[in-house]
Structures are given as structure tokens and as C-alpha cells.
N, C-alpha and C. Protein backbone atom coordinates (compact mmCIF):
# COMPACT_ATOMS: atom_id res chain seq x y z
N MET A 1 20.20 23.09 18.66
CA MET A 1 19.95 22.22 17.54
C MET A 1 18.87 22.87 16.67
N GLN A 2 19.09 22.87 15.38
CA GLN A 2 18.17 23.51 14.43
C GLN A 2 17.14 22.50 13.92
N TYR A 3 15.88 22.91 13.96
CA TYR A 3 14.79 22.10 13.42
C TYR A 3 14.55 22.52 11.98
N VAL A 4 14.70 21.59 11.04
CA VAL A 4 14.56 21.91 9.62
C VAL A 4 13.11 21.86 9.18
N GLY A 5 12.32 20.92 9.72
CA GLY A 5 10.90 20.85 9.38
C GLY A 5 10.41 19.42 9.28
N ILE A 6 9.13 19.30 9.00
CA ILE A 6 8.52 17.98 8.83
C ILE A 6 7.97 17.89 7.41
N ILE A 7 8.12 16.72 6.84
CA ILE A 7 7.64 16.45 5.49
C ILE A 7 6.69 15.27 5.56
N ASN A 8 5.52 15.43 4.97
CA ASN A 8 4.56 14.32 4.87
C ASN A 8 4.78 13.61 3.55
N VAL A 9 5.00 12.31 3.63
CA VAL A 9 5.22 11.49 2.44
C VAL A 9 4.17 10.38 2.44
N THR A 10 3.55 10.17 1.29
CA THR A 10 2.56 9.09 1.18
C THR A 10 3.04 8.08 0.15
N THR A 11 2.61 6.85 0.34
CA THR A 11 3.03 5.75 -0.53
C THR A 11 1.98 4.65 -0.49
N ASP A 12 2.16 3.68 -1.35
CA ASP A 12 1.34 2.47 -1.34
C ASP A 12 2.18 1.35 -0.74
N LEU A 13 1.53 0.36 -0.16
CA LEU A 13 2.25 -0.79 0.36
C LEU A 13 2.89 -1.54 -0.81
N GLN A 14 4.00 -2.18 -0.57
CA GLN A 14 4.81 -2.92 -1.54
C GLN A 14 5.44 -2.04 -2.62
N SER A 15 5.48 -0.73 -2.40
CA SER A 15 6.14 0.16 -3.36
C SER A 15 7.42 0.70 -2.72
N ASP A 16 8.21 1.41 -3.51
CA ASP A 16 9.43 2.03 -3.03
C ASP A 16 9.14 3.51 -2.76
N VAL A 17 9.76 4.06 -1.71
CA VAL A 17 9.52 5.46 -1.37
C VAL A 17 10.82 6.11 -0.92
N LEU A 18 11.00 7.36 -1.35
CA LEU A 18 12.17 8.14 -0.95
C LEU A 18 11.81 8.94 0.29
N LEU A 19 12.59 8.77 1.36
CA LEU A 19 12.44 9.56 2.58
C LEU A 19 13.49 10.66 2.51
N PRO A 20 13.06 11.89 2.27
CA PRO A 20 14.02 12.98 2.05
C PRO A 20 14.66 13.49 3.34
N CYS A 21 15.92 13.85 3.23
CA CYS A 21 16.64 14.48 4.34
C CYS A 21 17.74 15.35 3.74
N ASN A 22 17.47 16.64 3.70
CA ASN A 22 18.42 17.59 3.10
C ASN A 22 18.77 18.68 4.11
N PHE A 23 20.09 18.89 4.28
CA PHE A 23 20.58 19.95 5.16
C PHE A 23 21.39 20.94 4.32
N GLU A 24 21.32 22.19 4.70
CA GLU A 24 22.08 23.21 3.98
C GLU A 24 23.57 22.95 4.16
N ALA A 25 24.32 23.26 3.11
CA ALA A 25 25.77 23.02 3.12
C ALA A 25 26.46 23.75 4.27
N THR A 26 25.90 24.88 4.72
CA THR A 26 26.52 25.63 5.81
C THR A 26 26.53 24.81 7.11
N LEU A 27 25.56 23.90 7.27
CA LEU A 27 25.54 23.06 8.47
C LEU A 27 26.63 21.99 8.43
N LEU A 28 27.12 21.68 7.22
CA LEU A 28 28.15 20.64 7.09
C LEU A 28 29.53 21.17 7.40
N GLY A 29 29.68 22.47 7.47
CA GLY A 29 30.99 23.06 7.76
C GLY A 29 31.75 23.31 6.48
N SER A 30 32.78 24.12 6.58
CA SER A 30 33.57 24.47 5.39
C SER A 30 34.49 23.34 4.96
N LYS A 31 34.96 22.58 5.90
CA LYS A 31 35.82 21.45 5.53
C LYS A 31 34.99 20.18 5.52
N LYS A 32 34.95 19.54 4.39
CA LYS A 32 34.12 18.36 4.21
C LYS A 32 34.69 17.11 4.89
N THR A 33 35.80 17.26 5.57
CA THR A 33 36.40 16.11 6.25
C THR A 33 35.96 16.02 7.70
N ALA A 34 35.11 16.94 8.12
CA ALA A 34 34.65 16.95 9.52
C ALA A 34 33.91 15.66 9.83
N ASP A 35 33.82 15.37 11.11
CA ASP A 35 33.14 14.15 11.57
C ASP A 35 31.63 14.39 11.59
N ILE A 36 31.05 14.53 10.40
CA ILE A 36 29.61 14.81 10.24
C ILE A 36 28.92 13.51 9.84
N GLU A 37 27.77 13.29 10.45
CA GLU A 37 26.98 12.10 10.11
C GLU A 37 25.50 12.39 10.33
N ALA A 38 24.66 11.63 9.63
CA ALA A 38 23.22 11.70 9.84
C ALA A 38 22.75 10.34 10.33
N VAL A 39 21.88 10.35 11.31
CA VAL A 39 21.32 9.11 11.86
C VAL A 39 19.82 9.12 11.63
N TRP A 40 19.33 8.08 10.95
CA TRP A 40 17.91 7.91 10.71
C TRP A 40 17.32 7.03 11.79
N SER A 41 16.17 7.45 12.33
CA SER A 41 15.45 6.64 13.31
C SER A 41 13.98 6.58 12.91
N HIS A 42 13.28 5.58 13.44
CA HIS A 42 11.87 5.36 13.11
C HIS A 42 11.05 5.24 14.37
N SER A 43 9.92 5.93 14.40
CA SER A 43 8.88 5.87 15.44
C SER A 43 9.34 6.32 16.81
N THR A 44 8.41 6.20 17.73
CA THR A 44 8.68 6.58 19.11
C THR A 44 8.34 5.40 20.00
N PRO A 45 9.18 4.87 20.82
CA PRO A 45 10.56 5.33 21.02
C PRO A 45 11.40 5.05 19.78
N ALA A 46 12.39 5.87 19.60
CA ALA A 46 13.20 5.83 18.38
C ALA A 46 13.95 4.51 18.25
N GLU A 47 13.86 3.95 17.05
CA GLU A 47 14.63 2.76 16.68
C GLU A 47 15.61 3.22 15.61
N ASN A 48 16.89 3.25 15.94
CA ASN A 48 17.88 3.69 14.96
C ASN A 48 17.96 2.69 13.81
N LEU A 49 17.97 3.25 12.60
CA LEU A 49 18.01 2.42 11.40
C LEU A 49 19.38 2.42 10.75
N VAL A 50 19.89 3.63 10.49
CA VAL A 50 21.14 3.73 9.74
C VAL A 50 21.89 5.01 10.12
N GLU A 51 23.21 4.90 10.08
CA GLU A 51 24.10 6.05 10.31
C GLU A 51 24.87 6.26 9.01
N ILE A 52 24.80 7.49 8.49
CA ILE A 52 25.46 7.79 7.21
C ILE A 52 26.49 8.89 7.46
N LYS A 53 27.76 8.55 7.30
CA LYS A 53 28.83 9.54 7.52
C LYS A 53 29.07 10.33 6.24
N LEU A 54 29.46 11.59 6.40
CA LEU A 54 29.69 12.49 5.27
C LEU A 54 30.71 11.91 4.28
N GLN A 55 31.66 11.15 4.78
CA GLN A 55 32.68 10.55 3.91
C GLN A 55 32.14 9.34 3.13
N GLY A 56 30.87 8.94 3.37
CA GLY A 56 30.27 7.86 2.60
C GLY A 56 30.14 6.54 3.34
N GLU A 57 30.70 6.45 4.55
CA GLU A 57 30.60 5.21 5.31
C GLU A 57 29.17 5.06 5.85
N VAL A 58 28.61 3.87 5.69
CA VAL A 58 27.23 3.61 6.12
C VAL A 58 27.23 2.45 7.11
N SER A 59 26.55 2.65 8.25
CA SER A 59 26.40 1.59 9.25
C SER A 59 24.91 1.38 9.50
N PHE A 60 24.47 0.14 9.32
CA PHE A 60 23.06 -0.18 9.54
C PHE A 60 22.86 -0.79 10.92
N TRP A 61 21.86 -0.32 11.63
CA TRP A 61 21.42 -0.96 12.86
C TRP A 61 20.26 -1.90 12.54
N ASN A 62 19.41 -1.42 11.66
CA ASN A 62 18.27 -2.24 11.20
C ASN A 62 18.01 -1.84 9.75
N ASN A 63 18.46 -2.65 8.82
CA ASN A 63 18.30 -2.29 7.40
C ASN A 63 17.01 -2.84 6.79
N ARG A 64 16.09 -3.28 7.66
CA ARG A 64 14.77 -3.75 7.20
C ARG A 64 14.92 -4.81 6.11
N ASP A 65 15.67 -5.85 6.42
CA ASP A 65 15.89 -6.95 5.47
C ASP A 65 16.46 -6.44 4.15
N LYS A 66 17.45 -5.57 4.25
CA LYS A 66 18.15 -4.98 3.10
C LYS A 66 17.23 -4.18 2.19
N ARG A 67 16.22 -3.56 2.76
CA ARG A 67 15.29 -2.74 1.98
C ARG A 67 15.63 -1.26 2.03
N ILE A 68 16.66 -0.86 2.79
CA ILE A 68 17.05 0.55 2.87
C ILE A 68 18.28 0.78 1.99
N LYS A 69 18.19 1.80 1.13
CA LYS A 69 19.31 2.15 0.26
C LYS A 69 19.71 3.60 0.55
N THR A 70 21.01 3.82 0.60
CA THR A 70 21.55 5.17 0.81
C THR A 70 22.18 5.67 -0.49
N PHE A 71 22.53 6.96 -0.52
CA PHE A 71 23.09 7.58 -1.72
C PHE A 71 24.38 8.33 -1.37
N PRO A 72 25.49 7.61 -1.21
CA PRO A 72 26.75 8.23 -0.77
C PRO A 72 27.25 9.37 -1.66
N LYS A 73 26.96 9.34 -2.95
CA LYS A 73 27.46 10.39 -3.86
C LYS A 73 26.77 11.73 -3.64
N LEU A 74 25.64 11.73 -2.94
CA LEU A 74 24.88 12.97 -2.73
C LEU A 74 25.18 13.63 -1.38
N LEU A 75 25.98 12.99 -0.55
CA LEU A 75 26.19 13.46 0.83
C LEU A 75 26.84 14.83 0.91
N GLU A 76 27.81 15.12 0.07
CA GLU A 76 28.53 16.39 0.15
C GLU A 76 27.63 17.60 -0.11
N SER A 77 26.51 17.36 -0.78
CA SER A 77 25.57 18.46 -1.02
C SER A 77 24.56 18.58 0.11
N GLY A 78 24.69 17.74 1.15
CA GLY A 78 23.79 17.80 2.30
C GLY A 78 22.58 16.89 2.18
N ASN A 79 22.59 16.01 1.17
CA ASN A 79 21.45 15.11 0.94
C ASN A 79 21.73 13.75 1.59
N PHE A 80 21.00 13.48 2.68
CA PHE A 80 21.14 12.22 3.41
C PHE A 80 19.87 11.37 3.27
N SER A 81 19.15 11.57 2.17
CA SER A 81 17.90 10.84 1.94
C SER A 81 18.16 9.34 1.83
N ILE A 82 17.12 8.56 2.14
CA ILE A 82 17.20 7.11 1.99
C ILE A 82 16.01 6.63 1.16
N LEU A 83 16.20 5.50 0.50
CA LEU A 83 15.14 4.86 -0.26
C LEU A 83 14.69 3.63 0.52
N LEU A 84 13.42 3.54 0.77
CA LEU A 84 12.85 2.39 1.48
C LEU A 84 12.10 1.56 0.45
N ARG A 85 12.57 0.37 0.21
CA ARG A 85 11.97 -0.50 -0.81
C ARG A 85 10.88 -1.38 -0.21
N ASN A 86 9.92 -1.73 -1.06
CA ASN A 86 8.86 -2.69 -0.69
C ASN A 86 8.24 -2.34 0.66
N VAL A 87 7.64 -1.19 0.75
CA VAL A 87 7.09 -0.65 2.00
C VAL A 87 6.08 -1.63 2.61
N GLN A 88 6.22 -1.87 3.91
CA GLN A 88 5.33 -2.74 4.67
C GLN A 88 4.53 -1.88 5.64
N GLN A 89 3.46 -2.45 6.17
CA GLN A 89 2.62 -1.74 7.14
C GLN A 89 3.45 -1.25 8.33
N SER A 90 4.40 -2.08 8.77
CA SER A 90 5.23 -1.72 9.93
C SER A 90 6.19 -0.56 9.64
N ASP A 91 6.39 -0.23 8.36
CA ASP A 91 7.27 0.89 7.99
C ASP A 91 6.59 2.24 8.14
N LEU A 92 5.28 2.26 8.19
CA LEU A 92 4.57 3.53 8.27
C LEU A 92 4.83 4.20 9.61
N GLY A 93 4.76 5.51 9.62
CA GLY A 93 4.94 6.22 10.88
C GLY A 93 5.91 7.38 10.77
N PHE A 94 6.51 7.71 11.88
CA PHE A 94 7.32 8.90 12.06
C PHE A 94 8.81 8.56 11.94
N TYR A 95 9.53 9.30 11.10
CA TYR A 95 10.98 9.12 10.93
C TYR A 95 11.68 10.43 11.31
N ARG A 96 12.91 10.30 11.77
CA ARG A 96 13.73 11.47 12.08
C ARG A 96 15.13 11.25 11.51
N CYS A 97 15.61 12.28 10.84
CA CYS A 97 16.97 12.30 10.30
C CYS A 97 17.71 13.38 11.08
N LYS A 98 18.68 12.95 11.91
CA LYS A 98 19.37 13.89 12.80
C LYS A 98 20.84 14.01 12.37
N LEU A 99 21.27 15.26 12.19
CA LEU A 99 22.63 15.56 11.78
C LEU A 99 23.51 15.77 13.03
N HIS A 100 24.64 15.06 13.07
CA HIS A 100 25.57 15.13 14.22
C HIS A 100 26.94 15.57 13.75
N GLU A 101 27.65 16.23 14.66
CA GLU A 101 29.07 16.50 14.46
C GLU A 101 29.79 15.94 15.67
N GLY A 102 30.66 15.00 15.42
CA GLY A 102 31.35 14.35 16.53
C GLY A 102 30.40 13.44 17.30
N ILE A 103 30.77 13.15 18.54
CA ILE A 103 29.98 12.24 19.36
C ILE A 103 28.93 13.03 20.13
N ASN A 104 27.67 12.68 19.91
CA ASN A 104 26.52 13.26 20.62
C ASN A 104 26.39 14.77 20.51
N CYS A 105 26.86 15.36 19.43
CA CYS A 105 26.69 16.79 19.24
C CYS A 105 25.71 16.98 18.07
N SER A 106 24.45 17.14 18.42
CA SER A 106 23.42 17.29 17.39
C SER A 106 23.42 18.70 16.83
N ILE A 107 23.38 18.79 15.50
CA ILE A 107 23.39 20.08 14.83
C ILE A 107 21.98 20.47 14.39
N ALA A 108 21.29 19.53 13.74
CA ALA A 108 19.96 19.81 13.20
C ALA A 108 19.22 18.49 13.01
N TYR A 109 17.91 18.62 12.82
CA TYR A 109 17.14 17.41 12.50
C TYR A 109 15.96 17.75 11.62
N GLN A 110 15.53 16.74 10.91
CA GLN A 110 14.39 16.85 10.01
C GLN A 110 13.48 15.66 10.28
N GLU A 111 12.16 15.85 10.14
CA GLU A 111 11.21 14.78 10.41
C GLU A 111 10.42 14.45 9.16
N VAL A 112 10.07 13.17 9.04
CA VAL A 112 9.28 12.68 7.91
C VAL A 112 8.15 11.83 8.47
N GLN A 113 6.94 12.12 8.04
CA GLN A 113 5.77 11.31 8.42
C GLN A 113 5.39 10.48 7.20
N LEU A 114 5.51 9.16 7.31
CA LEU A 114 5.20 8.26 6.19
C LEU A 114 3.82 7.64 6.40
N GLY A 115 2.93 7.87 5.44
CA GLY A 115 1.57 7.34 5.53
C GLY A 115 1.15 6.72 4.21
N LEU A 116 0.00 6.08 4.23
CA LEU A 116 -0.54 5.45 3.02
C LEU A 116 -1.18 6.50 2.12
N ALA A 117 -1.00 6.33 0.84
CA ALA A 117 -1.61 7.22 -0.15
C ALA A 117 -3.12 7.00 -0.16
N ALA A 118 -3.85 8.06 -0.41
CA ALA A 118 -5.31 7.96 -0.52
C ALA A 118 -5.66 7.22 -1.80
N VAL A 119 -6.84 6.65 -1.83
CA VAL A 119 -7.31 5.96 -3.01
C VAL A 119 -7.59 6.99 -4.09
N SER A 120 -7.08 6.77 -5.31
CA SER A 120 -7.27 7.73 -6.40
C SER A 120 -8.70 7.70 -6.91
N GLU A 121 -9.07 8.74 -7.65
CA GLU A 121 -10.42 8.81 -8.22
C GLU A 121 -10.66 7.64 -9.18
N TYR A 122 -9.64 7.27 -9.93
CA TYR A 122 -9.77 6.13 -10.85
C TYR A 122 -10.06 4.85 -10.08
N GLN A 123 -9.33 4.63 -8.98
CA GLN A 123 -9.56 3.43 -8.16
C GLN A 123 -10.95 3.47 -7.55
N LYS A 124 -11.42 4.65 -7.14
CA LYS A 124 -12.77 4.76 -6.59
C LYS A 124 -13.81 4.39 -7.65
N THR A 125 -13.59 4.82 -8.89
CA THR A 125 -14.52 4.51 -9.98
C THR A 125 -14.56 3.00 -10.23
N ILE A 126 -13.42 2.37 -10.25
CA ILE A 126 -13.36 0.92 -10.46
C ILE A 126 -14.08 0.20 -9.33
N ILE A 127 -13.83 0.60 -8.10
CA ILE A 127 -14.47 -0.04 -6.94
C ILE A 127 -15.97 0.16 -6.98
N ALA A 128 -16.43 1.38 -7.30
CA ALA A 128 -17.86 1.66 -7.36
C ALA A 128 -18.52 0.86 -8.47
N GLY A 129 -17.88 0.77 -9.63
CA GLY A 129 -18.43 0.00 -10.75
C GLY A 129 -18.55 -1.47 -10.43
N ALA A 130 -17.51 -2.02 -9.82
CA ALA A 130 -17.54 -3.43 -9.45
C ALA A 130 -18.60 -3.69 -8.39
N SER A 131 -18.73 -2.80 -7.45
CA SER A 131 -19.75 -2.96 -6.40
C SER A 131 -21.16 -2.88 -6.99
N GLY A 132 -21.37 -1.93 -7.90
CA GLY A 132 -22.67 -1.78 -8.55
C GLY A 132 -23.02 -3.01 -9.37
N GLY A 133 -22.06 -3.53 -10.11
CA GLY A 133 -22.27 -4.73 -10.91
C GLY A 133 -22.62 -5.93 -10.04
N ALA A 134 -21.93 -6.06 -8.94
CA ALA A 134 -22.20 -7.17 -8.01
C ALA A 134 -23.60 -7.03 -7.41
N ALA A 135 -24.02 -5.81 -7.11
CA ALA A 135 -25.35 -5.59 -6.54
C ALA A 135 -26.44 -5.95 -7.56
N VAL A 136 -26.27 -5.58 -8.82
CA VAL A 136 -27.24 -5.91 -9.86
C VAL A 136 -27.32 -7.42 -10.05
N LEU A 137 -26.18 -8.08 -10.09
CA LEU A 137 -26.16 -9.54 -10.23
C LEU A 137 -26.86 -10.21 -9.06
N LEU A 138 -26.63 -9.75 -7.86
CA LEU A 138 -27.27 -10.31 -6.68
C LEU A 138 -28.78 -10.10 -6.73
N LEU A 139 -29.22 -8.92 -7.13
CA LEU A 139 -30.64 -8.62 -7.24
C LEU A 139 -31.30 -9.52 -8.29
N PHE A 140 -30.66 -9.71 -9.43
CA PHE A 140 -31.18 -10.59 -10.48
C PHE A 140 -31.32 -12.02 -9.98
N THR A 141 -30.31 -12.52 -9.27
CA THR A 141 -30.34 -13.88 -8.73
C THR A 141 -31.47 -14.04 -7.73
N VAL A 142 -31.66 -13.08 -6.87
CA VAL A 142 -32.74 -13.14 -5.88
C VAL A 142 -34.09 -13.15 -6.59
N CYS A 143 -34.27 -12.32 -7.61
CA CYS A 143 -35.54 -12.28 -8.35
C CYS A 143 -35.83 -13.62 -9.02
N VAL A 144 -34.85 -14.22 -9.67
CA VAL A 144 -35.03 -15.51 -10.33
C VAL A 144 -35.41 -16.58 -9.31
N CYS A 145 -34.72 -16.60 -8.19
CA CYS A 145 -35.03 -17.58 -7.14
C CYS A 145 -36.43 -17.36 -6.58
N TYR A 146 -36.83 -16.12 -6.40
CA TYR A 146 -38.16 -15.81 -5.87
C TYR A 146 -39.24 -16.27 -6.85
N ILE A 147 -39.08 -15.95 -8.11
CA ILE A 147 -40.07 -16.33 -9.12
C ILE A 147 -40.15 -17.85 -9.23
N ALA A 148 -39.04 -18.52 -9.19
CA ALA A 148 -39.02 -19.98 -9.28
C ALA A 148 -39.72 -20.61 -8.08
N SER A 149 -39.60 -20.00 -6.92
CA SER A 149 -40.23 -20.58 -5.72
C SER A 149 -41.74 -20.36 -5.71
N LYS A 150 -42.24 -19.33 -6.39
CA LYS A 150 -43.67 -19.02 -6.40
C LYS A 150 -44.41 -19.71 -7.56
N ARG A 151 -43.72 -20.28 -8.49
CA ARG A 151 -44.32 -20.94 -9.64
C ARG A 151 -44.92 -22.27 -9.21
N PRO A 152 -46.13 -22.61 -9.69
CA PRO A 152 -46.73 -23.90 -9.29
C PRO A 152 -45.95 -25.05 -9.92
N ALA A 153 -45.91 -26.14 -9.19
CA ALA A 153 -45.20 -27.32 -9.67
C ALA A 153 -45.99 -27.95 -10.81
N ILE A 154 -45.31 -28.45 -11.79
CA ILE A 154 -45.95 -29.09 -12.94
C ILE A 154 -46.01 -30.59 -12.69
N ASP A 155 -47.20 -31.17 -12.89
CA ASP A 155 -47.38 -32.62 -12.73
C ASP A 155 -47.21 -33.26 -14.10
N TYR A 156 -46.01 -33.77 -14.34
CA TYR A 156 -45.70 -34.35 -15.64
C TYR A 156 -46.45 -35.65 -15.90
N SER A 157 -46.93 -36.31 -14.85
CA SER A 157 -47.69 -37.55 -15.05
C SER A 157 -48.98 -37.28 -15.80
N LEU A 158 -49.55 -36.10 -15.68
CA LEU A 158 -50.76 -35.72 -16.39
C LEU A 158 -50.51 -35.72 -17.90
N TYR A 159 -49.41 -35.19 -18.35
CA TYR A 159 -49.10 -35.16 -19.77
C TYR A 159 -48.85 -36.55 -20.31
N THR A 160 -48.25 -37.39 -19.52
CA THR A 160 -47.99 -38.76 -19.95
C THR A 160 -49.30 -39.50 -20.15
N THR A 161 -50.24 -39.34 -19.22
CA THR A 161 -51.54 -40.02 -19.31
C THR A 161 -52.31 -39.54 -20.53
N VAL A 162 -52.31 -38.26 -20.78
CA VAL A 162 -53.04 -37.69 -21.90
C VAL A 162 -52.49 -38.23 -23.21
N SER A 163 -51.19 -38.28 -23.34
CA SER A 163 -50.61 -38.75 -24.59
C SER A 163 -50.92 -40.21 -24.85
N TYR A 164 -50.93 -41.04 -23.80
CA TYR A 164 -51.28 -42.44 -23.99
C TYR A 164 -52.75 -42.59 -24.35
N THR A 165 -53.61 -41.77 -23.77
CA THR A 165 -55.05 -41.83 -24.06
C THR A 165 -55.29 -41.49 -25.52
N VAL A 166 -54.68 -40.52 -26.06
CA VAL A 166 -54.82 -40.14 -27.45
C VAL A 166 -54.35 -41.27 -28.36
N LEU A 167 -53.21 -41.86 -28.02
CA LEU A 167 -52.67 -42.95 -28.82
C LEU A 167 -53.60 -44.17 -28.77
N ASP A 168 -54.14 -44.48 -27.58
CA ASP A 168 -55.06 -45.61 -27.45
C ASP A 168 -56.29 -45.39 -28.33
N ASN A 169 -56.87 -44.22 -28.34
CA ASN A 169 -58.04 -43.91 -29.16
C ASN A 169 -57.70 -44.00 -30.64
N TYR A 170 -56.53 -43.61 -30.99
CA TYR A 170 -56.11 -43.64 -32.37
C TYR A 170 -56.05 -45.07 -32.89
N TYR A 171 -55.43 -45.96 -32.09
CA TYR A 171 -55.30 -47.34 -32.52
C TYR A 171 -56.61 -48.11 -32.40
N ARG A 172 -57.43 -47.74 -31.46
CA ARG A 172 -58.70 -48.41 -31.26
C ARG A 172 -59.66 -48.17 -32.44
N ASP A 173 -59.56 -47.03 -33.05
CA ASP A 173 -60.45 -46.69 -34.15
C ASP A 173 -60.00 -47.39 -35.44
N GLY A 174 -58.96 -48.16 -35.37
CA GLY A 174 -58.55 -48.99 -36.49
C GLY A 174 -57.71 -48.29 -37.52
N VAL A 175 -56.93 -47.50 -37.14
CA VAL A 175 -56.08 -46.83 -38.11
C VAL A 175 -54.99 -47.71 -38.56
């Protein structure tokens, strides 16, 4: 059995991602009517997802709630890639696309490692800016609360007494 290689693919959750699987036409044989098929599996132990026959027939074992799409028109060129829609955390991991001829006769296989995309520089800038803004706001709030707690309490009854005393003197003098 021929090992084609491993491909690392990154994506974001809730996005669509293409899991590539391409075999050279020589592996498909000269007659395109041969009993050739590719079987996609996920993780270890392998969970079979879909079987794609060269003639275009597709059989799903687990279509992930109809989130797996195949491309029958591309099969004759050796392209058995699948599209995984709305990627979930449980979709991440190791995939294998194995090419068979007949029953249990493996010809070749290709591996795909699906992982989360790294945070972009733009996203890092937004996160840093928001964090910095929140820190400044928190510091300002703490300072205001501290100053308010250290300020002496004002006795408003003193102002009331003074104002009445002034008024009493004013009227007493016969104005």
C-alpha cells in the first residue's frame, strides 16, 4: 500500500473546510470502470465516515448531520476530497482517506490533520486593545471609589443653621 502523505489543515469553528484527498490517475487504473473507491475515516480508532466509489456512488456511515459533501464530478481525476461544513470541536483531529480496489484491497492512503487556526495578528490587536481599555476603566473606577471613601463627610445641618441665623439677623434688624 502506498503512503501519499499527511496534510495539515487549519480552520475556525463553525466554518467550512475542504479535506483534500488526491491520488494520481495511475493508481486508478487504465479502465475507469474498475471497482475503485475511497473510504474516509476519522480519528483513532477509526470511525468510517463515507465511501466514495469512482463511478460516483456515495455511501455514508456517519455524515455528521449532513455536514459532509462529496464531489462526484472530480473523482475520475483522482480527487476524493470532501467538504466538512460548520466545523465542530468534535470534528478536529486525524482523518484518513484510503483508496481501495475491490474488497479489502488497499492501494494507497492519505492523511489529514485538522486543527484550529491560530489567532490572527488583527484579532490579537483587537483583544489587546479591548483588554487595555478594560484595565484603564477598572483603574479609573477604583481611583474614584478610593477618593470618595477618603473624603470627609459633609454635615449639611451646619449650612442649614447658618442660613437661618443670617435670615433671623436680617429680619431682626428691621428690614
